[in-house]
Amino acid sequence: MSILLDVNTRLIVQGITGREGGNQARLSLEYGTRVVGGVTPGRGGSTVEGLGVPVFNTVAEAIRETGANVSIIFVPAAFATDAILEAVDAGLPLVVCITEGIPVHDMVRVRRFLRGRSAVLIGPNCPGLITPGSRARAGIMPPDVFLPGRVGVLSRSGTLLYDAVAQLTERGIGQSTALGIGGDPVPGMTFIEALKLFQADPETEALVLIGEIGGTAEQEAAAFIRSAGFTKPVVAFVAGRTAPPGRRMGHAGAIISGGTGTWDEKVAALHAAGASVVESPADIGLTAERAFRQLGVLTA
């Protein structure tokens, strides 16, 4: 089992004829993901050189011809909002947007469009997700660091997610699904929405959660865990301990403003929720191994 991606995933790439879209499509194909098509307006009827993947003018056409059920977006920020809206309007159940730099007011419009619809949006400005056991990849994560297993990984940061997974894999701790939701101020999927999916997955027995300063997402996740909305063991790390207030660190949402969103607040909330909190990113793997094995979690 897994969340969101599995052996039934049929992926299309919006922006597949661009350098990054084409490169990531190739990596996903090599990993074993079923990349069934791409979308670039005006390039329909062609194929991607070296990949043999057909290109369509619209998402609706790609779905009709390939049976696609997931889209990943590699479109410049100026056009990414329309790409998201097109994918959702076409009826795709899962849309992953890698693009960074989408204006906040555009994402507010996207969130409004999503209301009442069943589509799940991950991102923007995110690394996507991967399910190692199904070799299903919809993102930019380096596939060689992942190992099939029973620990979910949920992160706002892509780089920290890769590092945490590498530490877990080195210790023989496999992953069910690794998901990066991104760190923009107005995200698609939230921590709580992701936690609900991991909670419902019987093959996910524990979770590594990686947050960062700014906003209240980690406190909200902690409150959800504390209320027994998520009942599986959690190891957590919050980045940005030494960041000065008022200065953005990395993601657009990683800023302490008005005394809220601080490292201390987030760590205290996670401690109160019963999570094993790691203070150094270098200790994520070690702490997870000790905590999960002590609790009898099957991690290999």
C-alpha atoms as a PDB file:
ATOM      1  CA  MET A   1       0.000   0.000   0.000  1.00  0.00           C
ATOM      2  CA  SER A   2       0.957   3.635  -0.279  1.00  0.00           C
ATOM      3  CA  ILE A   3      -0.607   7.063  -0.533  1.00  0.00           C
ATOM      4  CA  LEU A   4      -1.502   8.800  -3.799  1.00  0.00           C
ATOM      5  CA  LEU A   5       0.913   6.904  -6.080  1.00  0.00           C
ATOM      6  CA  ASP A   6       0.949   3.163  -6.782  1.00  0.00           C
ATOM      7  CA  VAL A   7       1.240   0.607  -9.602  1.00  0.00           C
ATOM      8  CA  ASN A   8      -1.882   2.069 -11.205  1.00  0.00           C
ATOM      9  CA  THR A   9      -0.330   5.522 -11.648  1.00  0.00           C
ATOM     10  CA  ARG A  10      -0.413   6.774 -15.235  1.00  0.00           C
ATOM     11  CA  LEU A  11       1.550  10.021 -15.338  1.00  0.00           C
ATOM     12  CA  ILE A  12       1.486  12.903 -17.788  1.00  0.00           C
ATOM     13  CA  VAL A  13       3.991  15.747 -17.741  1.00  0.00           C
ATOM     14  CA  GLN A  14       2.786  19.266 -18.469  1.00  0.00           C
ATOM     15  CA  GLY A  15       5.782  21.016 -19.977  1.00  0.00           C
ATOM     16  CA  ILE A  16       7.442  17.785 -21.131  1.00  0.00           C
ATOM     17  CA  THR A  17       9.142  19.465 -24.109  1.00  0.00           C
ATOM     18  CA  GLY A  18      11.058  21.802 -21.799  1.00  0.00           C
ATOM     19  CA  ARG A  19      14.480  20.844 -20.508  1.00  0.00           C
ATOM     20  CA  GLU A  20      13.481  20.099 -16.920  1.00  0.00           C
ATOM     21  CA  GLY A  21      10.169  18.463 -17.799  1.00  0.00           C
ATOM     22  CA  GLY A  22      11.838  16.179 -20.320  1.00  0.00           C
ATOM     23  CA  ASN A  23      14.721  15.315 -18.001  1.00  0.00           C
ATOM     24  CA  GLN A  24      12.437  14.439 -15.089  1.00  0.00           C
ATOM     25  CA  ALA A  25      10.165  12.412 -17.382  1.00  0.00           C
ATOM     26  CA  ARG A  26      13.221  10.407 -18.423  1.00  0.00           C
ATOM     27  CA  LEU A  27      14.264   9.799 -14.805  1.00  0.00           C
ATOM     28  CA  SER A  28      10.749   8.665 -13.895  1.00  0.00           C
ATOM     29  CA  LEU A  29      10.640   6.287 -16.860  1.00  0.00           C
ATOM     30  CA  GLU A  30      14.023   4.839 -15.904  1.00  0.00           C
ATOM     31  CA  TYR A  31      12.763   4.364 -12.351  1.00  0.00           C
ATOM     32  CA  GLY A  32       9.809   2.362 -13.664  1.00  0.00           C
ATOM     33  CA  THR A  33       7.006   4.928 -13.548  1.00  0.00           C
ATOM     34  CA  ARG A  34       4.373   4.704 -16.279  1.00  0.00           C
ATOM     35  CA  VAL A  35       4.829   8.055 -18.011  1.00  0.00           C
ATOM     36  CA  VAL A  36       2.107   7.842 -20.647  1.00  0.00           C
ATOM     37  CA  GLY A  37       2.253  11.295 -22.216  1.00  0.00           C
ATOM     38  CA  GLY A  38       3.091  14.951 -22.066  1.00  0.00           C
ATOM     39  CA  VAL A  39       1.297  18.227 -22.708  1.00  0.00           C
ATOM     40  CA  THR A  40       2.679  21.227 -24.571  1.00  0.00           C
ATOM     41  CA  PRO A  41       0.208  23.465 -26.439  1.00  0.00           C
ATOM     42  CA  GLY A  42       1.071  23.596 -30.127  1.00  0.00           C
ATOM     43  CA  ARG A  43       3.245  20.478 -30.006  1.00  0.00           C
ATOM     44  CA  GLY A  44       0.463  17.905 -30.119  1.00  0.00           C
ATOM     45  CA  GLY A  45       1.026  14.932 -32.407  1.00  0.00           C
ATOM     46  CA  SER A  46       4.769  14.801 -31.791  1.00  0.00           C
ATOM     47  CA  THR A  47       6.777  12.549 -29.518  1.00  0.00           C
ATOM     48  CA  VAL A  48       9.555  13.372 -27.083  1.00  0.00           C
ATOM     49  CA  GLU A  49      12.865  12.517 -28.702  1.00  0.00           C
ATOM     50  CA  GLY A  50      14.620   9.658 -26.996  1.00  0.00           C
ATOM     51  CA  LEU A  51      11.631   8.816 -24.789  1.00  0.00           C
ATOM     52  CA  GLY A  52       8.956   7.807 -27.270  1.00  0.00           C
ATOM     53  CA  VAL A  53       6.335   9.584 -25.161  1.00  0.00           C
ATOM     54  CA  PRO A  54       3.455  11.198 -27.109  1.00  0.00           C
ATOM     55  CA  VAL A  55       2.778  14.916 -26.733  1.00  0.00           C
ATOM     56  CA  PHE A  56      -0.732  16.385 -26.653  1.00  0.00           C
ATOM     57  CA  ASN A  57      -2.041  19.922 -26.949  1.00  0.00           C
ATOM     58  CA  THR A  58      -4.329  19.721 -23.906  1.00  0.00           C
ATOM     59  CA  VAL A  59      -4.653  17.776 -20.677  1.00  0.00           C
ATOM     60  CA  ALA A  60      -8.156  16.617 -21.653  1.00  0.00           C
ATOM     61  CA  GLU A  61      -6.794  15.135 -24.870  1.00  0.00           C
ATOM     62  CA  ALA A  62      -3.971  13.406 -22.991  1.00  0.00           C
ATOM     63  CA  ILE A  63      -6.407  11.853 -20.535  1.00  0.00           C
ATOM     64  CA  ARG A  64      -8.710  10.694 -23.323  1.00  0.00           C
ATOM     65  CA  GLU A  65      -5.898   9.042 -25.272  1.00  0.00           C
ATOM     66  CA  THR A  66      -3.794   7.596 -22.444  1.00  0.00           C
ATOM     67  CA  GLY A  67      -6.039   7.102 -19.410  1.00  0.00           C
ATOM     68  CA  ALA A  68      -3.737   9.352 -17.364  1.00  0.00           C
ATOM     69  CA  ASN A  69      -4.668   9.858 -13.706  1.00  0.00           C
ATOM     70  CA  VAL A  70      -1.787  12.042 -12.431  1.00  0.00           C
ATOM     71  CA  SER A  71      -0.138  15.158 -13.832  1.00  0.00           C
ATOM     72  CA  ILE A  72       3.117  16.804 -12.882  1.00  0.00           C
ATOM     73  CA  ILE A  73       3.665  20.422 -13.924  1.00  0.00           C
ATOM     74  CA  PHE A  74       6.972  21.873 -15.160  1.00  0.00           C
ATOM     75  CA  VAL A  75       5.644  25.150 -16.534  1.00  0.00           C
ATOM     76  CA  PRO A  76       7.083  28.665 -15.953  1.00  0.00           C
ATOM     77  CA  ALA A  77       5.437  30.602 -13.130  1.00  0.00           C
ATOM     78  CA  ALA A  78       3.647  32.962 -15.511  1.00  0.00           C
ATOM     79  CA  PHE A  79       1.706  30.031 -16.990  1.00  0.00           C
ATOM     80  CA  ALA A  80       1.649  27.560 -14.087  1.00  0.00           C
ATOM     81  CA  THR A  81      -1.651  28.774 -12.621  1.00  0.00           C
ATOM     82  CA  ASP A  82      -3.456  28.085 -15.885  1.00  0.00           C
ATOM     83  CA  ALA A  83      -1.738  24.690 -16.097  1.00  0.00           C
ATOM     84  CA  ILE A  84      -3.029  23.752 -12.628  1.00  0.00           C
ATOM     85  CA  LEU A  85      -6.545  24.945 -13.415  1.00  0.00           C
ATOM     86  CA  GLU A  86      -6.561  23.038 -16.700  1.00  0.00           C
ATOM     87  CA  ALA A  87      -5.460  19.787 -15.030  1.00  0.00           C
ATOM     88  CA  VAL A  88      -8.039  20.091 -12.259  1.00  0.00           C
ATOM     89  CA  ASP A  89     -10.807  21.093 -14.664  1.00  0.00           C
ATOM     90  CA  ALA A  90      -9.999  18.063 -16.835  1.00  0.00           C
ATOM     91  CA  GLY A  91     -10.822  15.810 -13.890  1.00  0.00           C
ATOM     92  CA  LEU A  92      -7.411  14.552 -12.800  1.00  0.00           C
ATOM     93  CA  PRO A  93      -7.529  13.289  -9.200  1.00  0.00           C
ATOM     94  CA  LEU A  94      -3.895  14.238  -8.458  1.00  0.00           C
ATOM     95  CA  VAL A  95      -1.919  17.245  -9.700  1.00  0.00           C
ATOM     96  CA  VAL A  96       1.679  17.934  -8.663  1.00  0.00           C
ATOM     97  CA  CYS A  97       3.123  21.401  -9.343  1.00  0.00           C
ATOM     98  CA  ILE A  98       6.906  21.723  -9.132  1.00  0.00           C
ATOM     99  CA  THR A  99       7.011  25.341 -10.349  1.00  0.00           C
ATOM    100  CA  GLU A 100       8.272  27.955  -7.912  1.00  0.00           C
ATOM    101  CA  GLY A 101       7.579  31.671  -7.910  1.00  0.00           C
ATOM    102  CA  ILE A 102       3.820  31.512  -8.457  1.00  0.00           C
ATOM    103  CA  PRO A 103       2.334  34.723  -6.994  1.00  0.00           C
ATOM    104  CA  VAL A 104       0.337  34.347  -3.792  1.00  0.00           C
ATOM    105  CA  HIS A 105      -2.787  35.919  -5.293  1.00  0.00           C
ATOM    106  CA  ASP A 106      -2.700  33.330  -8.097  1.00  0.00           C
ATOM    107  CA  MET A 107      -2.575  30.500  -5.569  1.00  0.00           C
ATOM    108  CA  VAL A 108      -5.508  32.038  -3.701  1.00  0.00           C
ATOM    109  CA  ARG A 109      -7.424  31.781  -6.975  1.00  0.00           C
ATOM    110  CA  VAL A 110      -6.354  28.146  -7.348  1.00  0.00           C
ATOM    111  CA  ARG A 111      -7.449  27.304  -3.804  1.00  0.00           C
ATOM    112  CA  ARG A 112     -10.828  28.873  -4.500  1.00  0.00           C
ATOM    113  CA  PHE A 113     -11.151  26.813  -7.700  1.00  0.00           C
ATOM    114  CA  LEU A 114     -10.370  23.606  -5.788  1.00  0.00           C
ATOM    115  CA  ARG A 115     -13.250  24.060  -3.342  1.00  0.00           C
ATOM    116  CA  GLY A 116     -15.875  21.385  -3.750  1.00  0.00           C
ATOM    117  CA  ARG A 117     -13.682  19.342  -6.091  1.00  0.00           C
ATOM    118  CA  SER A 118     -12.082  15.990  -5.336  1.00  0.00           C
ATOM    119  CA  ALA A 119      -8.735  16.843  -6.946  1.00  0.00           C
ATOM    120  CA  VAL A 120      -5.616  16.830  -4.773  1.00  0.00           C
ATOM    121  CA  LEU A 121      -2.964  19.466  -5.482  1.00  0.00           C
ATOM    122  CA  ILE A 122       0.568  19.040  -4.194  1.00  0.00           C
ATOM    123  CA  GLY A 123       2.740  22.131  -4.364  1.00  0.00           C
ATOM    124  CA  PRO A 124       3.620  24.472  -5.843  1.00  0.00           C
ATOM    125  CA  ASN A 125       7.340  24.874  -5.204  1.00  0.00           C
ATOM    126  CA  CYS A 126       7.647  21.291  -4.021  1.00  0.00           C
ATOM    127  CA  PRO A 127       9.721  18.173  -4.796  1.00  0.00           C
ATOM    128  CA  GLY A 128       6.624  16.030  -5.396  1.00  0.00           C
ATOM    129  CA  LEU A 129       6.298  12.480  -4.150  1.00  0.00           C
ATOM    130  CA  ILE A 130       7.531   8.947  -4.650  1.00  0.00           C
ATOM    131  CA  THR A 131       6.333   5.475  -3.640  1.00  0.00           C
ATOM    132  CA  PRO A 132       9.421   3.217  -3.696  1.00  0.00           C
ATOM    133  CA  GLY A 133       7.557  -0.105  -3.549  1.00  0.00           C
ATOM    134  CA  SER A 134       5.562   0.732  -6.671  1.00  0.00           C
ATOM    135  CA  ARG A 135       8.433   2.559  -8.389  1.00  0.00           C
ATOM    136  CA  ALA A 136       5.999   5.411  -8.939  1.00  0.00           C
ATOM    137  CA  ARG A 137       7.567   8.876  -9.027  1.00  0.00           C
ATOM    138  CA  ALA A 138       5.890  12.235  -9.643  1.00  0.00           C
ATOM    139  CA  GLY A 139       8.505  14.764  -8.692  1.00  0.00           C
ATOM    140  CA  ILE A 140      12.164  15.683  -8.793  1.00  0.00           C
ATOM    141  CA  MET A 141      13.439  13.404  -6.026  1.00  0.00           C
ATOM    142  CA  PRO A 142      16.619  11.394  -6.745  1.00  0.00           C
ATOM    143  CA  PRO A 143      15.187   7.864  -7.008  1.00  0.00           C
ATOM    144  CA  ASP A 144      18.377   6.019  -6.038  1.00  0.00           C
ATOM    145  CA  VAL A 145      18.188   7.047  -2.351  1.00  0.00           C
ATOM    146  CA  PHE A 146      14.809   5.413  -1.690  1.00  0.00           C
ATOM    147  CA  LEU A 147      14.082   1.984  -0.229  1.00  0.00           C
ATOM    148  CA  PRO A 148      10.665   0.276  -0.056  1.00  0.00           C
ATOM    149  CA  GLY A 149       9.386   0.008   3.500  1.00  0.00           C
ATOM    150  CA  ARG A 150       6.851   1.134   6.088  1.00  0.00           C
ATOM    151  CA  VAL A 151       7.900   4.607   7.211  1.00  0.00           C
ATOM    152  CA  GLY A 152       6.234   7.622   5.631  1.00  0.00           C
ATOM    153  CA  VAL A 153       8.193  10.823   5.106  1.00  0.00           C
ATOM    154  CA  LEU A 154       6.391  14.177   5.002  1.00  0.00           C
ATOM    155  CA  SER A 155       8.259  17.443   4.485  1.00  0.00           C
ATOM    156  CA  ARG A 156       7.969  21.101   3.572  1.00  0.00           C
ATOM    157  CA  SER A 157      11.573  21.061   2.336  1.00  0.00           C
ATOM    158  CA  GLY A 158      12.781  19.052  -0.631  1.00  0.00           C
ATOM    159  CA  THR A 159      16.477  19.102   0.231  1.00  0.00           C
ATOM    160  CA  LEU A 160      15.875  18.015   3.816  1.00  0.00           C
ATOM    161  CA  LEU A 161      13.545  15.283   2.603  1.00  0.00           C
ATOM    162  CA  TYR A 162      16.280  13.827   0.376  1.00  0.00           C
ATOM    163  CA  ASP A 163      18.784  13.964   3.213  1.00  0.00           C
ATOM    164  CA  ALA A 164      16.418  12.356   5.708  1.00  0.00           C
ATOM    165  CA  VAL A 165      15.542   9.559   3.287  1.00  0.00           C
ATOM    166  CA  ALA A 166      19.215   8.898   2.570  1.00  0.00           C
ATOM    167  CA  GLN A 167      19.818   8.537   6.312  1.00  0.00           C
ATOM    168  CA  LEU A 168      16.864   6.178   6.689  1.00  0.00           C
ATOM    169  CA  THR A 169      17.905   4.046   3.726  1.00  0.00           C
ATOM    170  CA  GLU A 170      21.478   3.814   5.013  1.00  0.00           C
ATOM    171  CA  ARG A 171      20.077   2.301   8.208  1.00  0.00           C
ATOM    172  CA  GLY A 172      17.799  -0.121   6.358  1.00  0.00           C
ATOM    173  CA  ILE A 173      14.643   1.843   7.148  1.00  0.00           C
ATOM    174  CA  GLY A 174      12.428   1.718   4.075  1.00  0.00           C
ATOM    175  CA  GLN A 175       9.788   4.234   3.062  1.00  0.00           C
ATOM    176  CA  SER A 176       6.141   3.693   2.131  1.00  0.00           C
ATOM    177  CA  THR A 177       5.699   7.067   0.435  1.00  0.00           C
ATOM    178  CA  ALA A 178       7.817  10.216   0.646  1.00  0.00           C
ATOM    179  CA  LEU A 179       5.886  13.439   0.092  1.00  0.00           C
ATOM    180  CA  GLY A 180       7.115  17.021  -0.145  1.00  0.00           C
ATOM    181  CA  ILE A 181       4.268  19.521   0.098  1.00  0.00           C
ATOM    182  CA  GLY A 182       6.380  22.643  -0.491  1.00  0.00           C
ATOM    183  CA  GLY A 183       6.911  25.736   1.585  1.00  0.00           C
ATOM    184  CA  ASP A 184       4.948  28.501  -0.125  1.00  0.00           C
ATOM    185  CA  PRO A 185       2.564  30.660   1.948  1.00  0.00           C
ATOM    186  CA  VAL A 186      -0.501  29.253   0.125  1.00  0.00           C
ATOM    187  CA  PRO A 187       0.066  25.540  -0.500  1.00  0.00           C
ATOM    188  CA  GLY A 188      -2.106  22.937  -2.116  1.00  0.00           C
ATOM    189  CA  MET A 189      -2.016  19.954   0.256  1.00  0.00           C
ATOM    190  CA  THR A 190      -1.498  20.745   3.945  1.00  0.00           C
ATOM    191  CA  PHE A 191       0.267  18.766   6.648  1.00  0.00           C
ATOM    192  CA  ILE A 192      -3.061  17.699   8.138  1.00  0.00           C
ATOM    193  CA  GLU A 193      -4.432  16.485   4.808  1.00  0.00           C
ATOM    194  CA  ALA A 194      -1.270  14.450   4.275  1.00  0.00           C
ATOM    195  CA  LEU A 195      -1.367  13.064   7.820  1.00  0.00           C
ATOM    196  CA  LYS A 196      -4.887  11.778   7.208  1.00  0.00           C
ATOM    197  CA  LEU A 197      -3.672   9.846   4.168  1.00  0.00           C
ATOM    198  CA  PHE A 198      -0.724   8.320   6.023  1.00  0.00           C
ATOM    199  CA  GLN A 199      -3.019   7.425   8.927  1.00  0.00           C
ATOM    200  CA  ALA A 200      -5.361   5.564   6.573  1.00  0.00           C
ATOM    201  CA  ASP A 201      -2.537   3.597   4.933  1.00  0.00           C
ATOM    202  CA  PRO A 202      -2.128   0.252   6.738  1.00  0.00           C
ATOM    203  CA  GLU A 203       1.367  -0.202   5.343  1.00  0.00           C
ATOM    204  CA  THR A 204       2.653   3.043   6.864  1.00  0.00           C
ATOM    205  CA  GLU A 205       3.595   2.245  10.454  1.00  0.00           C
ATOM    206  CA  ALA A 206       5.476   5.403  11.416  1.00  0.00           C
ATOM    207  CA  LEU A 207       6.280   8.864  10.097  1.00  0.00           C
ATOM    208  CA  VAL A 208       9.190  11.270   9.761  1.00  0.00           C
ATOM    209  CA  LEU A 209       7.849  14.829   9.646  1.00  0.00           C
ATOM    210  CA  ILE A 210      10.075  17.716   8.539  1.00  0.00           C
ATOM    211  CA  GLY A 211       8.911  21.279   9.049  1.00  0.00           C
ATOM    212  CA  GLU A 212      10.435  24.723   9.100  1.00  0.00           C
ATOM    213  CA  ILE A 213       9.925  28.122  10.675  1.00  0.00           C
ATOM    214  CA  GLY A 214       7.160  30.388   9.463  1.00  0.00           C
ATOM    215  CA  GLY A 215       3.399  30.030   9.582  1.00  0.00           C
ATOM    216  CA  THR A 216       1.547  27.632  11.855  1.00  0.00           C
ATOM    217  CA  ALA A 217       1.448  24.415   9.808  1.00  0.00           C
ATOM    218  CA  GLU A 218       3.577  22.476  12.284  1.00  0.00           C
ATOM    219  CA  GLN A 219       1.507  23.599  15.280  1.00  0.00           C
ATOM    220  CA  GLU A 220      -1.654  22.573  13.430  1.00  0.00           C
ATOM    221  CA  ALA A 221      -0.115  19.193  12.618  1.00  0.00           C
ATOM    222  CA  ALA A 222       0.902  18.769  16.255  1.00  0.00           C
ATOM    223  CA  ALA A 223      -2.622  19.575  17.428  1.00  0.00           C
ATOM    224  CA  PHE A 224      -3.996  17.010  14.986  1.00  0.00           C
ATOM    225  CA  ILE A 225      -1.572  14.372  16.263  1.00  0.00           C
ATOM    226  CA  ARG A 226      -2.350  15.238  19.875  1.00  0.00           C
ATOM    227  CA  SER A 227      -6.095  14.871  19.243  1.00  0.00           C
ATOM    228  CA  ALA A 228      -5.449  11.284  18.071  1.00  0.00           C
ATOM    229  CA  GLY A 229      -6.111  12.202  14.448  1.00  0.00           C
ATOM    230  CA  PHE A 230      -2.740  10.593  13.752  1.00  0.00           C
ATOM    231  CA  THR A 231      -1.855   7.695  16.029  1.00  0.00           C
ATOM    232  CA  LYS A 232       1.391   6.352  14.582  1.00  0.00           C
ATOM    233  CA  PRO A 233       4.873   7.134  15.975  1.00  0.00           C
ATOM    234  CA  VAL A 234       6.380  10.413  14.720  1.00  0.00           C
ATOM    235  CA  VAL A 235       9.953  11.629  14.544  1.00  0.00           C
ATOM    236  CA  ALA A 236      10.049  15.355  13.737  1.00  0.00           C
ATOM    237  CA  PHE A 237      12.596  17.970  12.756  1.00  0.00           C
ATOM    238  CA  VAL A 238      12.019  21.718  12.374  1.00  0.00           C
ATOM    239  CA  ALA A 239      14.474  23.714  10.278  1.00  0.00           C
ATOM    240  CA  GLY A 240      15.399  27.343  10.923  1.00  0.00           C
ATOM    241  CA  ARG A 241      16.400  27.332  14.576  1.00  0.00           C
ATOM    242  CA  THR A 242      18.913  30.166  14.147  1.00  0.00           C
ATOM    243  CA  ALA A 243      16.945  32.230  11.605  1.00  0.00           C
ATOM    244  CA  PRO A 244      16.500  35.894  12.610  1.00  0.00           C
ATOM    245  CA  PRO A 245      12.894  37.155  12.841  1.00  0.00           C
ATOM    246  CA  GLY A 246      11.635  39.015   9.771  1.00  0.00           C
ATOM    247  CA  ARG A 247      14.088  37.451   7.342  1.00  0.00           C
ATOM    248  CA  ARG A 248      12.943  34.840   4.834  1.00  0.00           C
ATOM    249  CA  MET A 249      15.004  31.674   4.945  1.00  0.00           C
ATOM    250  CA  GLY A 250      14.639  29.534   1.823  1.00  0.00           C
ATOM    251  CA  HIS A 251      10.931  29.085   1.146  1.00  0.00           C
ATOM    252  CA  ALA A 252       8.602  32.039   0.760  1.00  0.00           C
ATOM    253  CA  GLY A 253       6.605  30.782   3.728  1.00  0.00           C
ATOM    254  CA  ALA A 254       9.630  30.351   5.998  1.00  0.00           C
ATOM    255  CA  ILE A 255       9.549  33.703   7.727  1.00  0.00           C
ATOM    256  CA  ILE A 256       8.896  34.583  11.353  1.00  0.00           C
ATOM    257  CA  SER A 257       6.507  37.507  11.487  1.00  0.00           C
ATOM    258  CA  GLY A 258       4.990  39.221  14.491  1.00  0.00           C
ATOM    259  CA  GLY A 259       6.560  36.741  16.893  1.00  0.00           C
ATOM    260  CA  THR A 260       4.718  33.748  15.440  1.00  0.00           C
ATOM    261  CA  GLY A 261       6.046  30.780  13.516  1.00  0.00           C
ATOM    262  CA  THR A 262       9.166  30.451  15.654  1.00  0.00           C
ATOM    263  CA  TRP A 263      11.269  27.328  16.056  1.00  0.00           C
ATOM    264  CA  ASP A 264      10.588  27.210  19.798  1.00  0.00           C
ATOM    265  CA  GLU A 265       6.802  27.316  19.318  1.00  0.00           C
ATOM    266  CA  LYS A 266       6.829  24.544  16.755  1.00  0.00           C
ATOM    267  CA  VAL A 267       9.175  22.275  18.695  1.00  0.00           C
ATOM    268  CA  ALA A 268       7.172  22.741  21.903  1.00  0.00           C
ATOM    269  CA  ALA A 269       3.957  21.843  20.091  1.00  0.00           C
ATOM    270  CA  LEU A 270       5.472  18.705  18.572  1.00  0.00           C
ATOM    271  CA  HIS A 271       6.943  17.639  21.913  1.00  0.00           C
ATOM    272  CA  ALA A 272       3.531  18.077  23.527  1.00  0.00           C
ATOM    273  CA  ALA A 273       2.012  15.901  20.817  1.00  0.00           C
ATOM    274  CA  GLY A 274       4.354  13.056  21.725  1.00  0.00           C
ATOM    275  CA  ALA A 275       6.710  13.301  18.760  1.00  0.00           C
ATOM    276  CA  SER A 276      10.404  12.500  19.091  1.00  0.00           C
ATOM    277  CA  VAL A 277      11.902  15.858  18.090  1.00  0.00           C
ATOM    278  CA  VAL A 278      15.364  16.003  16.528  1.00  0.00           C
ATOM    279  CA  GLU A 279      17.410  19.178  16.942  1.00  0.00           C
ATOM    280  CA  SER A 280      19.994  18.464  14.227  1.00  0.00           C
ATOM    281  CA  PRO A 281      19.140  17.257  10.708  1.00  0.00           C
ATOM    282  CA  ALA A 282      22.142  14.937  10.900  1.00  0.00           C
ATOM    283  CA  ASP A 283      20.382  12.951  13.657  1.00  0.00           C
ATOM    284  CA  ILE A 284      17.101  12.220  11.840  1.00  0.00           C
ATOM    285  CA  GLY A 285      18.103   8.708  10.768  1.00  0.00           C
ATOM    286  CA  LEU A 286      19.616   7.739  14.116  1.00  0.00           C
ATOM    287  CA  THR A 287      16.645   9.046  16.089  1.00  0.00           C
ATOM    288  CA  ALA A 288      14.167   7.315  13.783  1.00  0.00           C
ATOM    289  CA  GLU A 289      16.017   4.014  14.067  1.00  0.00           C
ATOM    290  CA  ARG A 290      16.091   4.160  17.864  1.00  0.00           C
ATOM    291  CA  ALA A 291      12.500   5.354  18.262  1.00  0.00           C
ATOM    292  CA  PHE A 292      10.859   3.074  15.744  1.00  0.00           C
ATOM    293  CA  ARG A 293      12.762  -0.077  16.672  1.00  0.00           C
ATOM    294  CA  GLN A 294      12.063   0.529  20.356  1.00  0.00           C
ATOM    295  CA  LEU A 295       8.369   0.705  19.513  1.00  0.00           C
ATOM    296  CA  GLY A 296       8.551  -2.453  17.433  1.00  0.00           C
ATOM    297  CA  VAL A 297       7.821  -0.740  14.125  1.00  0.00           C
ATOM    298  CA  LEU A 298       8.728  -2.869  11.118  1.00  0.00           C
ATOM    299  CA  THR A 299      11.121  -0.656   9.173  1.00  0.00           C
ATOM    300  CA  ALA A 300      12.793  -2.834   6.618  1.00  0.00           C
END
